[in-house]
Amino acid sequence: MSKQKEITRGIKFVLFSISAGVIEIVSFALLEAFTPWAYWPKYLIALTLSILWNFTLNRQFTFRSAGNVPIAMLKVACFYAVFTPLSTFFGNYLAETCGWNDIFVTLLNMAANLITEYLYDRYFVFRKTIDTKKGKHE
């Protein structure tokens, strides 16, 4: 695999993740503005919307995977089975106990998510199926 192709893949992942981040932060901000909820339910709803968007775009366009979608989704679900409780616990702790700004805490979680999920997707979820999707951009 060429270095240029990997750089392009990384850029695509970041751009799609930014779009997912916009979905996450906007949905979080709306929940923040219109509900009296604590940090954790707002974060979980916003994160779930972001995950679905990000998985779909990155599978299709970044990793161009023709692999089994349910298997890939299960692998991503395993990532979030670890990431979500940890980020929810620490995010809630920082926001509720330490008094940090909810939006700032969410941005920290999003940065951690971007880095760890790219590595996880690239080297575990799509490792064997990268660039197996045939299409117009071949």
N, C-alpha and C. Protein backbone atom coordinates (compact mmCIF):
# COMPACT_ATOMS: atom_id res chain seq x y z
N MET A 1 0.85 -1.17 0.00
CA MET A 1 0.00 0.00 0.00
C MET A 1 0.89 1.24 0.00
N SER A 2 0.57 2.18 -0.87
CA SER A 2 1.42 3.35 -0.99
C SER A 2 1.21 4.33 0.16
N LYS A 3 2.28 5.07 0.43
CA LYS A 3 2.23 6.07 1.49
C LYS A 3 1.18 7.13 1.17
N GLN A 4 1.11 7.56 -0.10
CA GLN A 4 0.14 8.56 -0.51
C GLN A 4 -1.29 8.07 -0.29
N LYS A 5 -1.54 6.80 -0.57
CA LYS A 5 -2.87 6.23 -0.37
C LYS A 5 -3.25 6.24 1.11
N GLU A 6 -2.29 5.93 1.98
CA GLU A 6 -2.55 5.94 3.43
C GLU A 6 -2.78 7.36 3.94
N ILE A 7 -2.04 8.32 3.42
CA ILE A 7 -2.25 9.71 3.81
C ILE A 7 -3.65 10.16 3.38
N THR A 8 -4.04 9.83 2.16
CA THR A 8 -5.37 10.16 1.66
C THR A 8 -6.44 9.50 2.53
N ARG A 9 -6.22 8.24 2.90
CA ARG A 9 -7.17 7.51 3.74
C ARG A 9 -7.30 8.23 5.10
N GLY A 10 -6.19 8.63 5.67
CA GLY A 10 -6.22 9.34 6.95
C GLY A 10 -6.96 10.66 6.86
N ILE A 11 -6.74 11.39 5.77
CA ILE A 11 -7.43 12.67 5.57
C ILE A 11 -8.93 12.45 5.43
N LYS A 12 -9.32 11.44 4.65
CA LYS A 12 -10.74 11.14 4.50
C LYS A 12 -11.36 10.80 5.86
N PHE A 13 -10.65 9.98 6.64
CA PHE A 13 -11.17 9.59 7.94
C PHE A 13 -11.39 10.82 8.81
N VAL A 14 -10.42 11.71 8.82
CA VAL A 14 -10.54 12.92 9.63
C VAL A 14 -11.71 13.78 9.15
N LEU A 15 -11.85 13.95 7.83
CA LEU A 15 -12.95 14.78 7.31
C LEU A 15 -14.32 14.18 7.62
N PHE A 16 -14.45 12.87 7.43
CA PHE A 16 -15.73 12.22 7.76
C PHE A 16 -15.97 12.26 9.26
N SER A 17 -14.91 12.12 10.03
CA SER A 17 -15.06 12.19 11.48
C SER A 17 -15.45 13.58 11.93
N ILE A 18 -14.95 14.60 11.23
CA ILE A 18 -15.37 15.97 11.54
C ILE A 18 -16.87 16.11 11.27
N SER A 19 -17.34 15.55 10.16
CA SER A 19 -18.79 15.64 9.89
C SER A 19 -19.58 14.90 10.96
N ALA A 20 -19.07 13.76 11.41
CA ALA A 20 -19.73 13.03 12.50
C ALA A 20 -19.64 13.83 13.79
N GLY A 21 -18.52 14.51 13.98
CA GLY A 21 -18.36 15.36 15.15
C GLY A 21 -19.35 16.51 15.16
N VAL A 22 -19.62 17.06 13.97
CA VAL A 22 -20.62 18.13 13.87
C VAL A 22 -21.99 17.59 14.29
N ILE A 23 -22.32 16.40 13.81
CA ILE A 23 -23.58 15.77 14.20
C ILE A 23 -23.61 15.56 15.71
N GLU A 24 -22.51 15.08 16.27
CA GLU A 24 -22.46 14.83 17.70
C GLU A 24 -22.58 16.12 18.51
N ILE A 25 -21.84 17.13 18.15
CA ILE A 25 -21.82 18.35 18.95
C ILE A 25 -23.13 19.12 18.79
N VAL A 26 -23.72 19.13 17.60
CA VAL A 26 -25.00 19.82 17.40
C VAL A 26 -26.10 19.10 18.17
N SER A 27 -26.15 17.77 18.06
CA SER A 27 -27.19 17.04 18.79
C SER A 27 -26.98 17.19 20.30
N PHE A 28 -25.72 17.16 20.75
CA PHE A 28 -25.43 17.36 22.17
C PHE A 28 -25.87 18.76 22.61
N ALA A 29 -25.55 19.76 21.81
CA ALA A 29 -25.90 21.14 22.16
C ALA A 29 -27.42 21.33 22.20
N LEU A 30 -28.13 20.70 21.27
CA LEU A 30 -29.59 20.79 21.28
C LEU A 30 -30.16 20.13 22.54
N LEU A 31 -29.62 18.97 22.89
CA LEU A 31 -30.07 18.31 24.11
C LEU A 31 -29.72 19.14 25.34
N GLU A 32 -28.56 19.76 25.31
CA GLU A 32 -28.12 20.64 26.40
C GLU A 32 -29.08 21.82 26.55
N ALA A 33 -29.50 22.37 25.42
CA ALA A 33 -30.36 23.55 25.44
C ALA A 33 -31.82 23.24 25.79
N PHE A 34 -32.29 22.07 25.39
CA PHE A 34 -33.73 21.80 25.50
C PHE A 34 -34.12 20.71 26.49
N THR A 35 -33.14 20.14 27.19
CA THR A 35 -33.49 19.15 28.21
C THR A 35 -32.76 19.48 29.51
N PRO A 36 -33.30 19.02 30.61
CA PRO A 36 -32.62 19.22 31.89
C PRO A 36 -31.71 18.04 32.25
N TRP A 37 -31.45 17.18 31.29
CA TRP A 37 -30.72 15.94 31.54
C TRP A 37 -29.30 16.18 32.00
N ALA A 38 -28.76 15.20 32.72
CA ALA A 38 -27.36 15.19 33.12
C ALA A 38 -26.50 14.96 31.88
N TYR A 39 -25.20 15.03 32.06
CA TYR A 39 -24.26 14.90 30.95
C TYR A 39 -24.43 13.56 30.22
N TRP A 40 -24.48 12.45 30.96
CA TRP A 40 -24.35 11.14 30.32
C TRP A 40 -25.45 10.79 29.31
N PRO A 41 -26.74 11.05 29.54
CA PRO A 41 -27.70 10.68 28.49
C PRO A 41 -27.56 11.55 27.24
N LYS A 42 -27.22 12.81 27.42
CA LYS A 42 -27.00 13.70 26.26
C LYS A 42 -25.83 13.17 25.44
N TYR A 43 -24.76 12.82 26.15
CA TYR A 43 -23.56 12.31 25.48
C TYR A 43 -23.85 11.01 24.75
N LEU A 44 -24.55 10.07 25.37
CA LEU A 44 -24.81 8.77 24.75
C LEU A 44 -25.67 8.90 23.49
N ILE A 45 -26.67 9.74 23.53
CA ILE A 45 -27.52 9.95 22.35
C ILE A 45 -26.70 10.58 21.22
N ALA A 46 -25.96 11.61 21.54
CA ALA A 46 -25.15 12.30 20.53
C ALA A 46 -24.08 11.37 19.95
N LEU A 47 -23.45 10.58 20.82
CA LEU A 47 -22.42 9.65 20.37
C LEU A 47 -23.00 8.59 19.44
N THR A 48 -24.16 8.05 19.77
CA THR A 48 -24.79 7.02 18.94
C THR A 48 -25.09 7.55 17.54
N LEU A 49 -25.63 8.74 17.45
CA LEU A 49 -25.89 9.34 16.13
C LEU A 49 -24.60 9.50 15.34
N SER A 50 -23.57 9.95 16.02
CA SER A 50 -22.26 10.15 15.39
C SER A 50 -21.66 8.83 14.90
N ILE A 51 -21.76 7.80 15.71
CA ILE A 51 -21.20 6.48 15.35
C ILE A 51 -21.83 5.95 14.07
N LEU A 52 -23.14 6.00 14.00
CA LEU A 52 -23.84 5.46 12.83
C LEU A 52 -23.44 6.20 11.55
N TRP A 53 -23.36 7.51 11.63
CA TRP A 53 -22.95 8.33 10.49
C TRP A 53 -21.51 8.01 10.09
N ASN A 54 -20.61 8.02 11.06
CA ASN A 54 -19.18 7.83 10.80
C ASN A 54 -18.88 6.44 10.24
N PHE A 55 -19.50 5.42 10.81
CA PHE A 55 -19.28 4.05 10.32
C PHE A 55 -19.68 3.94 8.85
N THR A 56 -20.85 4.45 8.54
CA THR A 56 -21.37 4.33 7.17
C THR A 56 -20.45 5.01 6.16
N LEU A 57 -20.06 6.24 6.44
CA LEU A 57 -19.21 6.97 5.50
C LEU A 57 -17.81 6.37 5.40
N ASN A 58 -17.22 6.04 6.53
CA ASN A 58 -15.84 5.53 6.48
C ASN A 58 -15.76 4.14 5.87
N ARG A 59 -16.74 3.29 6.12
CA ARG A 59 -16.74 1.97 5.49
C ARG A 59 -16.82 2.11 3.97
N GLN A 60 -17.71 2.99 3.52
CA GLN A 60 -17.96 3.17 2.10
C GLN A 60 -16.83 3.89 1.36
N PHE A 61 -16.35 4.99 1.93
CA PHE A 61 -15.46 5.87 1.18
C PHE A 61 -14.01 5.89 1.65
N THR A 62 -13.75 5.69 2.93
CA THR A 62 -12.38 5.74 3.43
C THR A 62 -11.69 4.40 3.27
N PHE A 63 -12.34 3.36 3.78
CA PHE A 63 -11.72 2.04 3.74
C PHE A 63 -12.20 1.24 2.53
N ARG A 64 -13.23 1.72 1.84
CA ARG A 64 -13.76 1.09 0.63
C ARG A 64 -13.85 -0.42 0.80
N SER A 65 -14.56 -0.81 1.86
CA SER A 65 -14.64 -2.22 2.23
C SER A 65 -15.88 -2.89 1.68
N ALA A 66 -15.67 -4.04 1.05
CA ALA A 66 -16.78 -4.87 0.59
C ALA A 66 -17.02 -6.00 1.58
N GLY A 67 -16.36 -5.92 2.72
CA GLY A 67 -16.51 -6.96 3.74
C GLY A 67 -17.91 -7.00 4.31
N ASN A 68 -18.15 -8.03 5.07
CA ASN A 68 -19.44 -8.28 5.70
C ASN A 68 -19.80 -7.13 6.64
N VAL A 69 -20.88 -6.41 6.33
CA VAL A 69 -21.28 -5.25 7.11
C VAL A 69 -21.64 -5.62 8.55
N PRO A 70 -22.45 -6.67 8.79
CA PRO A 70 -22.76 -7.00 10.19
C PRO A 70 -21.52 -7.36 11.01
N ILE A 71 -20.55 -8.02 10.40
CA ILE A 71 -19.31 -8.36 11.12
C ILE A 71 -18.54 -7.08 11.45
N ALA A 72 -18.43 -6.19 10.47
CA ALA A 72 -17.73 -4.92 10.71
C ALA A 72 -18.45 -4.11 11.79
N MET A 73 -19.78 -4.08 11.74
CA MET A 73 -20.54 -3.35 12.75
C MET A 73 -20.35 -3.98 14.13
N LEU A 74 -20.29 -5.29 14.19
CA LEU A 74 -20.06 -5.98 15.47
C LEU A 74 -18.68 -5.61 16.03
N LYS A 75 -17.69 -5.56 15.17
CA LYS A 75 -16.34 -5.17 15.62
C LYS A 75 -16.34 -3.73 16.14
N VAL A 76 -17.03 -2.84 15.43
CA VAL A 76 -17.12 -1.45 15.88
C VAL A 76 -17.91 -1.39 17.19
N ALA A 77 -18.96 -2.19 17.30
CA ALA A 77 -19.73 -2.23 18.55
C ALA A 77 -18.84 -2.67 19.71
N CYS A 78 -17.93 -3.59 19.47
CA CYS A 78 -16.98 -4.03 20.51
C CYS A 78 -16.08 -2.87 20.95
N PHE A 79 -15.63 -2.08 19.99
CA PHE A 79 -14.83 -0.90 20.33
C PHE A 79 -15.63 0.02 21.24
N TYR A 80 -16.87 0.29 20.85
CA TYR A 80 -17.69 1.20 21.63
C TYR A 80 -18.18 0.59 22.94
N ALA A 81 -18.17 -0.73 23.04
CA ALA A 81 -18.50 -1.37 24.32
C ALA A 81 -17.45 -1.04 25.37
N VAL A 82 -16.24 -0.73 24.93
CA VAL A 82 -15.17 -0.30 25.84
C VAL A 82 -15.11 1.23 25.90
N PHE A 83 -15.07 1.87 24.74
CA PHE A 83 -14.90 3.33 24.68
C PHE A 83 -16.06 4.07 25.36
N THR A 84 -17.28 3.65 25.09
CA THR A 84 -18.45 4.39 25.59
C THR A 84 -18.52 4.43 27.12
N PRO A 85 -18.42 3.29 27.81
CA PRO A 85 -18.47 3.40 29.27
C PRO A 85 -17.32 4.23 29.84
N LEU A 86 -16.12 4.05 29.29
CA LEU A 86 -14.98 4.82 29.78
C LEU A 86 -15.16 6.31 29.54
N SER A 87 -15.54 6.67 28.32
CA SER A 87 -15.70 8.10 28.01
C SER A 87 -16.91 8.70 28.73
N THR A 88 -17.95 7.90 28.92
CA THR A 88 -19.12 8.39 29.66
C THR A 88 -18.77 8.62 31.12
N PHE A 89 -18.08 7.66 31.72
CA PHE A 89 -17.69 7.79 33.13
C PHE A 89 -16.77 8.99 33.34
N PHE A 90 -15.71 9.05 32.54
CA PHE A 90 -14.75 10.14 32.72
C PHE A 90 -15.34 11.48 32.30
N GLY A 91 -16.16 11.49 31.24
CA GLY A 91 -16.81 12.72 30.83
C GLY A 91 -17.78 13.22 31.90
N ASN A 92 -18.56 12.31 32.45
CA ASN A 92 -19.49 12.69 33.51
C ASN A 92 -18.74 13.18 34.74
N TYR A 93 -17.64 12.52 35.06
CA TYR A 93 -16.83 12.93 36.22
C TYR A 93 -16.30 14.36 36.01
N LEU A 94 -15.73 14.61 34.83
CA LEU A 94 -15.17 15.94 34.55
C LEU A 94 -16.26 17.02 34.53
N ALA A 95 -17.42 16.68 33.95
CA ALA A 95 -18.49 17.67 33.83
C ALA A 95 -19.24 17.87 35.14
N GLU A 96 -19.60 16.79 35.80
CA GLU A 96 -20.47 16.89 36.98
C GLU A 96 -19.69 17.09 38.28
N THR A 97 -18.57 16.40 38.43
CA THR A 97 -17.82 16.47 39.68
C THR A 97 -16.80 17.61 39.67
N CYS A 98 -16.07 17.72 38.56
CA CYS A 98 -15.02 18.74 38.48
C CYS A 98 -15.54 20.08 37.96
N GLY A 99 -16.75 20.08 37.41
CA GLY A 99 -17.33 21.32 36.94
C GLY A 99 -16.82 21.82 35.60
N TRP A 100 -16.18 20.94 34.83
CA TRP A 100 -15.71 21.34 33.51
C TRP A 100 -16.90 21.60 32.60
N ASN A 101 -16.72 22.44 31.62
CA ASN A 101 -17.75 22.74 30.63
C ASN A 101 -18.12 21.48 29.86
N ASP A 102 -19.43 21.21 29.75
CA ASP A 102 -19.92 20.00 29.06
C ASP A 102 -19.44 19.91 27.62
N ILE A 103 -19.49 21.00 26.90
CA ILE A 103 -19.07 21.01 25.50
C ILE A 103 -17.58 20.72 25.38
N PHE A 104 -16.77 21.33 26.25
CA PHE A 104 -15.33 21.08 26.24
C PHE A 104 -15.03 19.61 26.52
N VAL A 105 -15.71 19.03 27.48
CA VAL A 105 -15.51 17.61 27.81
C VAL A 105 -15.90 16.74 26.61
N THR A 106 -16.97 17.10 25.97
CA THR A 106 -17.40 16.34 24.78
C THR A 106 -16.36 16.45 23.67
N LEU A 107 -15.77 17.62 23.48
CA LEU A 107 -14.72 17.79 22.47
C LEU A 107 -13.49 16.94 22.80
N LEU A 108 -13.13 16.86 24.08
CA LEU A 108 -12.02 15.98 24.49
C LEU A 108 -12.33 14.52 24.17
N ASN A 109 -13.55 14.09 24.47
CA ASN A 109 -13.95 12.73 24.15
C ASN A 109 -13.92 12.47 22.65
N MET A 110 -14.34 13.47 21.88
CA MET A 110 -14.34 13.33 20.43
C MET A 110 -12.91 13.19 19.89
N ALA A 111 -11.97 13.93 20.43
CA ALA A 111 -10.57 13.82 19.99
C ALA A 111 -10.01 12.44 20.32
N ALA A 112 -10.29 11.95 21.52
CA ALA A 112 -9.84 10.60 21.89
C ALA A 112 -10.48 9.56 20.99
N ASN A 113 -11.73 9.75 20.67
CA ASN A 113 -12.45 8.83 19.80
C ASN A 113 -11.84 8.81 18.40
N LEU A 114 -11.54 9.97 17.85
CA LEU A 114 -10.97 10.07 16.50
C LEU A 114 -9.70 9.25 16.39
N ILE A 115 -8.80 9.45 17.30
CA ILE A 115 -7.49 8.79 17.24
C ILE A 115 -7.62 7.28 17.44
N THR A 116 -8.31 6.89 18.50
CA THR A 116 -8.39 5.46 18.82
C THR A 116 -9.23 4.70 17.80
N GLU A 117 -10.30 5.31 17.31
CA GLU A 117 -11.13 4.58 16.35
C GLU A 117 -10.44 4.43 14.99
N TYR A 118 -9.69 5.44 14.56
CA TYR A 118 -8.98 5.28 13.29
C TYR A 118 -8.04 4.07 13.37
N LEU A 119 -7.26 4.02 14.41
CA LEU A 119 -6.32 2.90 14.57
C LEU A 119 -7.05 1.57 14.64
N TYR A 120 -8.12 1.53 15.38
CA TYR A 120 -8.91 0.30 15.53
C TYR A 120 -9.53 -0.13 14.20
N ASP A 121 -10.15 0.83 13.49
CA ASP A 121 -10.76 0.52 12.20
C ASP A 121 -9.71 0.09 11.17
N ARG A 122 -8.63 0.85 11.09
CA ARG A 122 -7.61 0.59 10.08
C ARG A 122 -6.93 -0.76 10.28
N TYR A 123 -6.59 -1.06 11.53
CA TYR A 123 -5.78 -2.25 11.79
C TYR A 123 -6.55 -3.45 12.33
N PHE A 124 -7.86 -3.30 12.56
CA PHE A 124 -8.64 -4.44 13.02
C PHE A 124 -9.92 -4.62 12.20
N VAL A 125 -10.79 -3.63 12.19
CA VAL A 125 -12.09 -3.80 11.55
C VAL A 125 -11.95 -4.03 10.04
N PHE A 126 -11.21 -3.17 9.36
CA PHE A 126 -11.13 -3.23 7.89
C PHE A 126 -9.78 -3.72 7.37
N ARG A 127 -8.92 -4.17 8.24
CA ARG A 127 -7.56 -4.56 7.86
C ARG A 127 -7.51 -5.48 6.64
N LYS A 128 -8.34 -6.50 6.62
CA LYS A 128 -8.28 -7.48 5.53
C LYS A 128 -9.20 -7.14 4.36
N THR A 129 -10.03 -6.11 4.52
CA THR A 129 -10.99 -5.80 3.46
C THR A 129 -10.82 -4.40 2.88
N ILE A 130 -9.74 -3.72 3.21
CA ILE A 130 -9.51 -2.37 2.67
C ILE A 130 -9.41 -2.43 1.16
N ASP A 131 -10.10 -1.50 0.51
CA ASP A 131 -10.07 -1.34 -0.94
C ASP A 131 -10.57 -2.56 -1.69
N THR A 132 -11.53 -3.29 -1.10
CA THR A 132 -12.11 -4.43 -1.79
C THR A 132 -13.41 -4.06 -2.50
N LYS A 133 -13.93 -2.88 -2.23
CA LYS A 133 -15.17 -2.43 -2.85
C LYS A 133 -14.86 -1.93 -4.26
N LYS A 134 -15.58 -2.44 -5.21
CA LYS A 134 -15.42 -1.99 -6.59
C LYS A 134 -16.44 -0.91 -6.85
N GLY A 135 -16.06 0.07 -7.65
CA GLY A 135 -17.00 1.15 -7.93
C GLY A 135 -16.46 2.09 -8.97
N LYS A 136 -17.12 3.25 -9.08
CA LYS A 136 -16.77 4.23 -10.10
C LYS A 136 -15.38 4.81 -9.93
N HIS A 137 -14.85 4.80 -8.72
CA HIS A 137 -13.58 5.47 -8.46
C HIS A 137 -12.38 4.53 -8.58
N GLU A 138 -12.54 3.44 -9.28
CA GLU A 138 -11.44 2.49 -9.46
C GLU A 138 -10.47 2.99 -10.49
